[in-house]
Amino acid sequence: MTIVKKINDKTEKRKIRVRAKLRRFAKRLRLSIYRSNKHISGQIIDNKTGKTLILVSDQHLKLKNEKLTKVAIAKKVGQLLAQKAKKIKINQVYLDRGAYKYHGRIKALTEGAREGELKI
């Protein structure tokens, strides 16, 4: 078994475990996070209908002259997501981190959303 296959098995198991916990709370909305090497995005999804209510990415931020780290950008994305959620009266969601561990940019995005008074 190669190293790549072992890593993929671990991430798939983590993803399945996280999503299984979320199925118990199908009535609530979920905050799904996606990150790549360059970008990060978060979206609030209605589990009943499967529709995306809010989508925020670091590409939506206007940060042309600012020099920020990826973690700081992720925190700003979380704050912007919380602001948009507040406008349409969403105040509580469940975190769907997928196969990502809760540290670094994922943690920064959720902390930014919590600072924007979104209950996770």
Protein backbone atom coordinates (compact mmCIF):
# COMPACT_ATOMS: atom_id res chain seq x y z
CA MET A 1 0.00 0.00 0.00
CA THR A 2 1.49 3.31 -0.98
CA ILE A 3 1.71 6.39 1.21
CA VAL A 4 -0.73 8.30 -1.00
CA LYS A 5 -3.38 5.62 -0.59
CA LYS A 6 -2.95 5.65 3.21
CA ILE A 7 -3.40 9.42 3.31
CA ASN A 8 -6.49 9.25 1.12
CA ASP A 9 -7.96 6.53 3.31
CA LYS A 10 -7.47 8.70 6.40
CA THR A 11 -9.06 11.75 4.83
CA GLU A 12 -12.01 9.77 3.48
CA LYS A 13 -12.61 8.18 6.89
CA ARG A 14 -12.48 11.60 8.56
CA LYS A 15 -14.87 13.04 5.99
CA ILE A 16 -17.37 10.21 6.47
CA ARG A 17 -17.14 10.49 10.27
CA VAL A 18 -17.79 14.25 10.22
CA ARG A 19 -20.70 14.01 7.79
CA ALA A 20 -22.28 11.16 9.78
CA LYS A 21 -22.44 13.40 12.85
CA LEU A 22 -24.05 16.16 10.80
CA ARG A 23 -26.84 13.89 9.52
CA ARG A 24 -28.25 13.74 13.05
CA PHE A 25 -28.88 17.48 12.89
CA ALA A 26 -30.49 17.68 9.46
CA LYS A 27 -32.93 20.37 10.61
CA ARG A 28 -30.20 22.98 11.04
CA LEU A 29 -28.13 24.75 8.46
CA ARG A 30 -24.50 23.79 7.97
CA LEU A 31 -21.39 25.82 7.33
CA SER A 32 -19.35 23.93 4.76
CA ILE A 33 -15.73 24.94 4.32
CA TYR A 34 -13.52 24.36 1.31
CA ARG A 35 -9.86 25.23 1.09
CA SER A 36 -7.26 24.90 -1.60
CA ASN A 37 -3.62 25.87 -1.55
CA LYS A 38 -4.43 29.45 -2.58
CA HIS A 39 -8.05 30.11 -1.60
CA ILE A 40 -10.63 29.40 1.08
CA SER A 41 -14.40 29.60 0.94
CA GLY A 42 -17.33 28.97 3.23
CA GLN A 43 -20.95 28.42 2.41
CA ILE A 44 -24.10 28.01 4.43
CA ILE A 45 -26.23 25.19 3.08
CA ASP A 46 -29.82 24.23 3.88
CA ASN A 47 -29.72 20.46 4.43
CA LYS A 48 -33.41 19.95 3.72
CA THR A 49 -33.34 21.39 0.21
CA GLY A 50 -29.63 21.11 -0.52
CA LYS A 51 -29.43 24.73 -1.62
CA THR A 52 -26.63 27.15 -0.86
CA LEU A 53 -27.92 30.22 0.96
CA ILE A 54 -24.67 32.16 1.34
CA LEU A 55 -21.30 31.75 -0.36
CA VAL A 56 -18.23 33.75 0.65
CA SER A 57 -14.72 33.32 -0.67
CA ASP A 58 -11.46 35.15 -0.20
CA GLN A 59 -11.91 36.28 -3.79
CA HIS A 60 -14.95 38.31 -2.65
CA LEU A 61 -12.75 40.32 -0.29
CA LYS A 62 -11.15 43.47 -1.58
CA LEU A 63 -7.59 43.02 -0.30
CA LYS A 64 -5.50 44.26 -3.21
CA ASN A 65 -3.03 46.46 -1.28
CA GLU A 66 -3.03 44.54 2.00
CA LYS A 67 -0.36 41.95 2.73
CA LEU A 68 -2.06 39.34 4.92
CA THR A 69 -1.31 35.74 5.73
CA LYS A 70 -3.67 32.99 4.62
CA VAL A 71 -4.86 32.55 8.21
CA ALA A 72 -5.72 36.26 8.52
CA ILE A 73 -7.59 36.14 5.20
CA ALA A 74 -9.54 33.09 6.40
CA LYS A 75 -10.56 34.98 9.55
CA LYS A 76 -11.82 37.90 7.43
CA VAL A 77 -13.80 35.45 5.27
CA GLY A 78 -15.46 34.08 8.42
CA GLN A 79 -16.36 37.57 9.60
CA LEU A 80 -17.85 38.46 6.20
CA LEU A 81 -19.82 35.21 6.21
CA ALA A 82 -21.24 36.02 9.64
CA GLN A 83 -22.25 39.51 8.47
CA LYS A 84 -24.10 38.11 5.47
CA ALA A 85 -25.77 35.48 7.65
CA LYS A 86 -26.92 38.13 10.09
CA LYS A 87 -28.58 40.06 7.23
CA ILE A 88 -30.82 37.12 6.37
CA LYS A 89 -31.37 36.27 10.05
CA ILE A 90 -29.26 33.13 10.34
CA ASN A 91 -27.69 32.89 13.76
CA GLN A 92 -26.89 29.20 14.31
CA VAL A 93 -25.21 26.63 12.06
CA TYR A 94 -23.27 23.38 12.31
CA LEU A 95 -19.69 23.21 11.12
CA ASP A 96 -18.98 20.86 8.22
CA ARG A 97 -15.21 20.86 7.94
CA GLY A 98 -15.21 17.91 5.57
CA ALA A 99 -11.93 16.01 5.58
CA TYR A 100 -9.95 18.95 6.96
CA LYS A 101 -8.54 18.96 10.47
CA TYR A 102 -9.72 21.72 12.79
CA HIS A 103 -6.60 23.87 12.81
CA GLY A 104 -4.97 26.62 10.79
CA ARG A 105 -7.20 28.25 8.22
CA ILE A 106 -10.26 26.15 9.07
CA LYS A 107 -10.02 27.19 12.71
CA ALA A 108 -9.43 30.84 11.75
CA LEU A 109 -12.52 30.90 9.52
CA THR A 110 -14.75 29.48 12.24
CA GLU A 111 -13.32 31.84 14.86
CA GLY A 112 -13.98 34.77 12.52
CA ALA A 113 -17.56 33.60 12.09
CA ARG A 114 -17.94 33.30 15.88
CA GLU A 115 -16.60 36.83 16.32
CA GLY A 116 -19.31 37.95 13.92
CA GLU A 117 -21.82 36.45 16.39
CA LEU A 118 -22.62 33.30 14.41
CA LYS A 119 -23.20 30.36 16.76
CA ILE A 120 -21.38 27.25 15.62
